[in-house]
Amino acid sequence: MRLNQLTGFAFGKIFGQLRRRAIGAALLGLFALVALYHFTVAGSLALETQYGLLYARLIVAGVYAFAALTTFVILWATRAKPIDEETAGALGSSRSMQFAMLAEAVALGYALARKLPGR
């Protein structure tokens, strides 16, 4: 087997699996949207018998607005925040870097010394 056949086989296997997962994710999203539509219709019909058509639609719209607002708040709270200058200064100082390099060298030397075959 030549190299181009091996790479073609590897890429085909990787991208085949990715394609199957993408198709699965798309089907999952489609079925979730269909289920959401049917739940919305059923909920609207149930609310319509008790509160009337206008209030049933307002209640369903309020539920969706609340879900959207909750999602927005979660995304806003977990956004990437910029690094302030105090943190950047502490992480980037040469003294801290020297200490980190020294600690790493000590740890590496200890690990290598434990692996010596003569012991």
N, C-alpha and C. Protein backbone atom coordinates (compact mmCIF):
# COMPACT_ATOMS: atom_id res chain seq x y z
N MET A 1 0.83 -1.17 0.00
CA MET A 1 0.00 0.00 0.00
C MET A 1 0.88 1.23 0.00
N ARG A 2 0.57 2.17 -0.88
CA ARG A 2 1.39 3.38 -0.97
C ARG A 2 0.90 4.43 0.02
N LEU A 3 1.75 5.46 0.19
CA LEU A 3 1.46 6.50 1.17
C LEU A 3 0.18 7.26 0.82
N ASN A 4 -0.02 7.56 -0.47
CA ASN A 4 -1.23 8.31 -0.82
C ASN A 4 -2.49 7.47 -0.59
N GLN A 5 -2.40 6.16 -0.72
CA GLN A 5 -3.54 5.30 -0.41
C GLN A 5 -3.82 5.27 1.09
N LEU A 6 -2.74 5.24 1.89
CA LEU A 6 -2.92 5.25 3.35
C LEU A 6 -3.53 6.56 3.82
N THR A 7 -3.02 7.68 3.31
CA THR A 7 -3.59 8.97 3.73
C THR A 7 -5.02 9.10 3.23
N GLY A 8 -5.30 8.63 2.03
CA GLY A 8 -6.68 8.68 1.53
C GLY A 8 -7.62 7.85 2.38
N PHE A 9 -7.15 6.68 2.79
CA PHE A 9 -7.96 5.82 3.65
C PHE A 9 -8.20 6.48 5.01
N ALA A 10 -7.14 7.07 5.58
CA ALA A 10 -7.27 7.71 6.89
C ALA A 10 -8.22 8.91 6.83
N PHE A 11 -8.04 9.76 5.80
CA PHE A 11 -8.94 10.91 5.66
C PHE A 11 -10.37 10.46 5.40
N GLY A 12 -10.54 9.44 4.58
CA GLY A 12 -11.88 8.93 4.31
C GLY A 12 -12.56 8.41 5.57
N LYS A 13 -11.79 7.73 6.40
CA LYS A 13 -12.36 7.20 7.64
C LYS A 13 -12.72 8.33 8.61
N ILE A 14 -11.82 9.30 8.75
CA ILE A 14 -12.07 10.42 9.67
C ILE A 14 -13.25 11.26 9.19
N PHE A 15 -13.22 11.66 7.92
CA PHE A 15 -14.28 12.52 7.42
C PHE A 15 -15.59 11.77 7.24
N GLY A 16 -15.54 10.47 7.02
CA GLY A 16 -16.76 9.68 6.97
C GLY A 16 -17.46 9.67 8.32
N GLN A 17 -16.68 9.50 9.37
CA GLN A 17 -17.25 9.52 10.71
C GLN A 17 -17.79 10.91 11.04
N LEU A 18 -17.05 11.96 10.67
CA LEU A 18 -17.54 13.32 10.91
C LEU A 18 -18.82 13.59 10.13
N ARG A 19 -18.89 13.11 8.89
CA ARG A 19 -20.09 13.31 8.08
C ARG A 19 -21.28 12.60 8.71
N ARG A 20 -21.08 11.36 9.19
CA ARG A 20 -22.18 10.64 9.83
C ARG A 20 -22.64 11.35 11.10
N ARG A 21 -21.70 11.87 11.87
CA ARG A 21 -22.07 12.60 13.09
C ARG A 21 -22.79 13.90 12.75
N ALA A 22 -22.37 14.59 11.68
CA ALA A 22 -23.04 15.82 11.27
C ALA A 22 -24.46 15.54 10.80
N ILE A 23 -24.65 14.46 10.06
CA ILE A 23 -25.99 14.08 9.62
C ILE A 23 -26.85 13.73 10.84
N GLY A 24 -26.28 13.01 11.78
CA GLY A 24 -27.01 12.67 13.00
C GLY A 24 -27.40 13.91 13.80
N ALA A 25 -26.47 14.87 13.91
CA ALA A 25 -26.77 16.11 14.64
C ALA A 25 -27.87 16.90 13.93
N ALA A 26 -27.82 16.93 12.60
CA ALA A 26 -28.85 17.65 11.84
C ALA A 26 -30.22 16.99 12.02
N LEU A 27 -30.26 15.66 12.00
CA LEU A 27 -31.52 14.96 12.23
C LEU A 27 -32.03 15.19 13.65
N LEU A 28 -31.13 15.19 14.62
CA LEU A 28 -31.52 15.47 16.00
C LEU A 28 -32.14 16.85 16.11
N GLY A 29 -31.50 17.85 15.49
CA GLY A 29 -32.05 19.21 15.51
C GLY A 29 -33.41 19.29 14.84
N LEU A 30 -33.56 18.61 13.70
CA LEU A 30 -34.83 18.62 12.99
C LEU A 30 -35.94 17.98 13.83
N PHE A 31 -35.66 16.82 14.41
CA PHE A 31 -36.67 16.15 15.23
C PHE A 31 -37.01 16.96 16.49
N ALA A 32 -36.01 17.63 17.05
CA ALA A 32 -36.27 18.47 18.22
C ALA A 32 -37.18 19.64 17.85
N LEU A 33 -36.95 20.24 16.68
CA LEU A 33 -37.82 21.34 16.24
C LEU A 33 -39.24 20.86 15.96
N VAL A 34 -39.39 19.68 15.36
CA VAL A 34 -40.73 19.13 15.10
C VAL A 34 -41.44 18.85 16.43
N ALA A 35 -40.72 18.27 17.39
CA ALA A 35 -41.32 18.00 18.69
C ALA A 35 -41.70 19.30 19.39
N LEU A 36 -40.86 20.31 19.32
CA LEU A 36 -41.17 21.60 19.92
C LEU A 36 -42.41 22.22 19.29
N TYR A 37 -42.53 22.09 17.98
CA TYR A 37 -43.72 22.60 17.29
C TYR A 37 -44.98 21.90 17.78
N HIS A 38 -44.93 20.58 17.88
CA HIS A 38 -46.12 19.85 18.32
C HIS A 38 -46.46 20.12 19.79
N PHE A 39 -45.44 20.27 20.63
CA PHE A 39 -45.71 20.64 22.03
C PHE A 39 -46.34 22.02 22.11
N THR A 40 -45.87 22.94 21.26
CA THR A 40 -46.42 24.28 21.25
C THR A 40 -47.89 24.27 20.82
N VAL A 41 -48.19 23.52 19.77
CA VAL A 41 -49.57 23.44 19.30
C VAL A 41 -50.47 22.81 20.36
N ALA A 42 -50.01 21.72 20.96
CA ALA A 42 -50.81 21.05 21.98
C ALA A 42 -51.01 21.95 23.19
N GLY A 43 -49.97 22.65 23.60
CA GLY A 43 -50.10 23.57 24.73
C GLY A 43 -51.03 24.73 24.42
N SER A 44 -50.94 25.24 23.19
CA SER A 44 -51.82 26.33 22.79
C SER A 44 -53.28 25.88 22.80
N LEU A 45 -53.55 24.69 22.29
CA LEU A 45 -54.93 24.18 22.28
C LEU A 45 -55.45 23.97 23.69
N ALA A 46 -54.61 23.45 24.57
CA ALA A 46 -55.03 23.24 25.95
C ALA A 46 -55.29 24.57 26.66
N LEU A 47 -54.43 25.56 26.43
CA LEU A 47 -54.61 26.87 27.05
C LEU A 47 -55.79 27.62 26.43
N GLU A 48 -56.04 27.37 25.16
CA GLU A 48 -57.12 28.08 24.47
C GLU A 48 -58.48 27.73 25.06
N THR A 49 -58.65 26.50 25.49
CA THR A 49 -59.93 26.11 26.07
C THR A 49 -60.18 26.79 27.41
N GLN A 50 -59.12 27.12 28.13
CA GLN A 50 -59.29 27.73 29.45
C GLN A 50 -59.23 29.26 29.42
N TYR A 51 -58.34 29.83 28.57
CA TYR A 51 -58.11 31.27 28.63
C TYR A 51 -58.51 32.02 27.36
N GLY A 52 -58.83 31.35 26.30
CA GLY A 52 -59.16 32.00 25.05
C GLY A 52 -57.93 32.05 24.14
N LEU A 53 -58.18 32.36 22.88
CA LEU A 53 -57.12 32.30 21.87
C LEU A 53 -56.01 33.33 22.11
N LEU A 54 -56.38 34.57 22.39
CA LEU A 54 -55.38 35.63 22.57
C LEU A 54 -54.47 35.34 23.76
N TYR A 55 -55.07 35.04 24.91
CA TYR A 55 -54.26 34.81 26.10
C TYR A 55 -53.43 33.53 25.99
N ALA A 56 -53.93 32.53 25.29
CA ALA A 56 -53.16 31.30 25.08
C ALA A 56 -51.90 31.61 24.29
N ARG A 57 -52.03 32.40 23.23
CA ARG A 57 -50.85 32.75 22.44
C ARG A 57 -49.89 33.64 23.21
N LEU A 58 -50.43 34.53 24.03
CA LEU A 58 -49.56 35.38 24.86
C LEU A 58 -48.79 34.55 25.89
N ILE A 59 -49.43 33.55 26.46
CA ILE A 59 -48.75 32.69 27.44
C ILE A 59 -47.63 31.90 26.76
N VAL A 60 -47.91 31.34 25.59
CA VAL A 60 -46.89 30.57 24.87
C VAL A 60 -45.73 31.49 24.47
N ALA A 61 -46.05 32.69 23.99
CA ALA A 61 -45.00 33.65 23.63
C ALA A 61 -44.17 34.05 24.86
N GLY A 62 -44.82 34.18 26.00
CA GLY A 62 -44.10 34.50 27.24
C GLY A 62 -43.14 33.39 27.64
N VAL A 63 -43.56 32.14 27.46
CA VAL A 63 -42.68 31.01 27.79
C VAL A 63 -41.45 31.03 26.89
N TYR A 64 -41.66 31.27 25.58
CA TYR A 64 -40.53 31.33 24.66
C TYR A 64 -39.63 32.54 24.94
N ALA A 65 -40.22 33.66 25.28
CA ALA A 65 -39.42 34.85 25.61
C ALA A 65 -38.57 34.60 26.86
N PHE A 66 -39.15 33.92 27.85
CA PHE A 66 -38.40 33.59 29.06
C PHE A 66 -37.24 32.65 28.74
N ALA A 67 -37.49 31.65 27.88
CA ALA A 67 -36.43 30.71 27.50
C ALA A 67 -35.31 31.45 26.76
N ALA A 68 -35.68 32.36 25.87
CA ALA A 68 -34.67 33.12 25.13
C ALA A 68 -33.88 34.03 26.06
N LEU A 69 -34.55 34.68 26.99
CA LEU A 69 -33.87 35.56 27.95
C LEU A 69 -32.92 34.77 28.85
N THR A 70 -33.35 33.61 29.29
CA THR A 70 -32.50 32.76 30.12
C THR A 70 -31.25 32.32 29.35
N THR A 71 -31.43 31.93 28.09
CA THR A 71 -30.29 31.55 27.26
C THR A 71 -29.34 32.72 27.06
N PHE A 72 -29.88 33.91 26.81
CA PHE A 72 -29.04 35.10 26.63
C PHE A 72 -28.24 35.39 27.90
N VAL A 73 -28.88 35.31 29.05
CA VAL A 73 -28.18 35.60 30.32
C VAL A 73 -27.06 34.58 30.55
N ILE A 74 -27.32 33.32 30.27
CA ILE A 74 -26.29 32.29 30.45
C ILE A 74 -25.12 32.54 29.51
N LEU A 75 -25.40 32.84 28.24
CA LEU A 75 -24.32 33.13 27.29
C LEU A 75 -23.56 34.39 27.67
N TRP A 76 -24.25 35.39 28.16
CA TRP A 76 -23.59 36.64 28.55
C TRP A 76 -22.72 36.43 29.79
N ALA A 77 -23.20 35.60 30.72
CA ALA A 77 -22.44 35.37 31.96
C ALA A 77 -21.21 34.51 31.72
N THR A 78 -21.22 33.67 30.70
CA THR A 78 -20.10 32.78 30.47
C THR A 78 -19.22 33.22 29.30
N ARG A 79 -19.34 34.46 28.90
CA ARG A 79 -18.53 34.96 27.77
C ARG A 79 -17.07 35.07 28.20
N ALA A 80 -16.21 35.14 27.21
CA ALA A 80 -14.77 35.29 27.47
C ALA A 80 -14.50 36.73 27.87
N LYS A 81 -13.92 36.89 29.03
CA LYS A 81 -13.62 38.24 29.53
C LYS A 81 -12.17 38.58 29.19
N PRO A 82 -11.91 39.84 28.86
CA PRO A 82 -10.52 40.22 28.57
C PRO A 82 -9.67 40.17 29.84
N ILE A 83 -8.40 39.92 29.66
CA ILE A 83 -7.46 39.85 30.78
C ILE A 83 -7.13 41.27 31.21
N ASP A 84 -7.29 41.53 32.51
CA ASP A 84 -6.94 42.86 33.00
C ASP A 84 -5.42 42.98 33.14
N GLU A 85 -4.95 44.19 33.34
CA GLU A 85 -3.50 44.45 33.34
C GLU A 85 -2.81 43.85 34.56
N GLU A 86 -3.50 43.76 35.70
CA GLU A 86 -2.88 43.17 36.89
C GLU A 86 -2.55 41.70 36.65
N THR A 87 -3.51 40.96 36.11
CA THR A 87 -3.29 39.55 35.85
C THR A 87 -2.24 39.35 34.77
N ALA A 88 -2.30 40.16 33.72
CA ALA A 88 -1.32 40.03 32.64
C ALA A 88 0.08 40.34 33.15
N GLY A 89 0.20 41.33 34.04
CA GLY A 89 1.51 41.67 34.59
C GLY A 89 2.06 40.56 35.46
N ALA A 90 1.19 39.93 36.25
CA ALA A 90 1.65 38.86 37.14
C ALA A 90 2.06 37.63 36.35
N LEU A 91 1.35 37.35 35.27
CA LEU A 91 1.67 36.17 34.49
C LEU A 91 2.87 36.39 33.57
N GLY A 92 3.11 37.62 33.19
CA GLY A 92 4.15 37.87 32.22
C GLY A 92 5.45 38.43 32.79
N SER A 93 5.59 38.53 34.10
CA SER A 93 6.82 39.10 34.66
C SER A 93 7.96 38.10 34.51
N SER A 94 9.15 38.64 34.35
CA SER A 94 10.31 37.78 34.13
C SER A 94 10.65 36.99 35.40
N ARG A 95 10.42 37.55 36.55
CA ARG A 95 10.72 36.85 37.80
C ARG A 95 9.83 35.60 37.93
N SER A 96 8.56 35.75 37.61
CA SER A 96 7.64 34.61 37.68
C SER A 96 8.02 33.56 36.66
N MET A 97 8.41 33.99 35.48
CA MET A 97 8.81 33.05 34.43
C MET A 97 10.06 32.29 34.83
N GLN A 98 11.02 32.97 35.45
CA GLN A 98 12.25 32.31 35.88
C GLN A 98 11.95 31.26 36.95
N PHE A 99 11.08 31.61 37.88
CA PHE A 99 10.72 30.66 38.92
C PHE A 99 9.99 29.46 38.33
N ALA A 100 9.09 29.69 37.38
CA ALA A 100 8.36 28.59 36.76
C ALA A 100 9.31 27.68 35.99
N MET A 101 10.28 28.24 35.29
CA MET A 101 11.25 27.44 34.55
C MET A 101 12.13 26.63 35.50
N LEU A 102 12.53 27.23 36.61
CA LEU A 102 13.34 26.52 37.59
C LEU A 102 12.55 25.36 38.21
N ALA A 103 11.29 25.60 38.56
CA ALA A 103 10.46 24.53 39.14
C ALA A 103 10.25 23.41 38.12
N GLU A 104 10.06 23.75 36.86
CA GLU A 104 9.88 22.74 35.83
C GLU A 104 11.16 21.93 35.64
N ALA A 105 12.31 22.58 35.67
CA ALA A 105 13.58 21.87 35.51
C ALA A 105 13.82 20.91 36.68
N VAL A 106 13.49 21.34 37.89
CA VAL A 106 13.66 20.47 39.06
C VAL A 106 12.74 19.25 38.95
N ALA A 107 11.51 19.47 38.55
CA ALA A 107 10.56 18.36 38.42
C ALA A 107 10.99 17.40 37.33
N LEU A 108 11.48 17.90 36.21
CA LEU A 108 11.95 17.05 35.13
C LEU A 108 13.19 16.26 35.56
N GLY A 109 14.12 16.91 36.23
CA GLY A 109 15.31 16.21 36.72
C GLY A 109 14.95 15.11 37.71
N TYR A 110 14.02 15.36 38.59
CA TYR A 110 13.59 14.35 39.54
C TYR A 110 12.95 13.16 38.82
N ALA A 111 12.10 13.44 37.84
CA ALA A 111 11.44 12.37 37.09
C ALA A 111 12.45 11.53 36.31
N LEU A 112 13.44 12.18 35.70
CA LEU A 112 14.45 11.44 34.96
C LEU A 112 15.36 10.64 35.88
N ALA A 113 15.67 11.16 37.07
CA ALA A 113 16.52 10.46 38.01
C ALA A 113 15.84 9.19 38.53
N ARG A 114 14.55 9.19 38.64
CA ARG A 114 13.82 8.01 39.13
C ARG A 114 13.78 6.92 38.09
N LYS A 115 14.01 7.25 36.81
CA LYS A 115 13.93 6.27 35.74
C LYS A 115 15.27 5.67 35.38
N LEU A 116 16.33 5.99 36.11
CA LEU A 116 17.65 5.43 35.81
C LEU A 116 17.63 3.92 35.99
N PRO A 117 18.18 3.16 35.03
CA PRO A 117 18.10 1.71 35.11
C PRO A 117 19.05 1.08 36.14
N GLY A 118 20.06 1.79 36.60
CA GLY A 118 21.04 1.24 37.51
C GLY A 118 20.57 1.09 38.94
N ARG A 119 19.39 1.43 39.27
CA ARG A 119 18.93 1.40 40.67
C ARG A 119 18.23 0.16 41.02
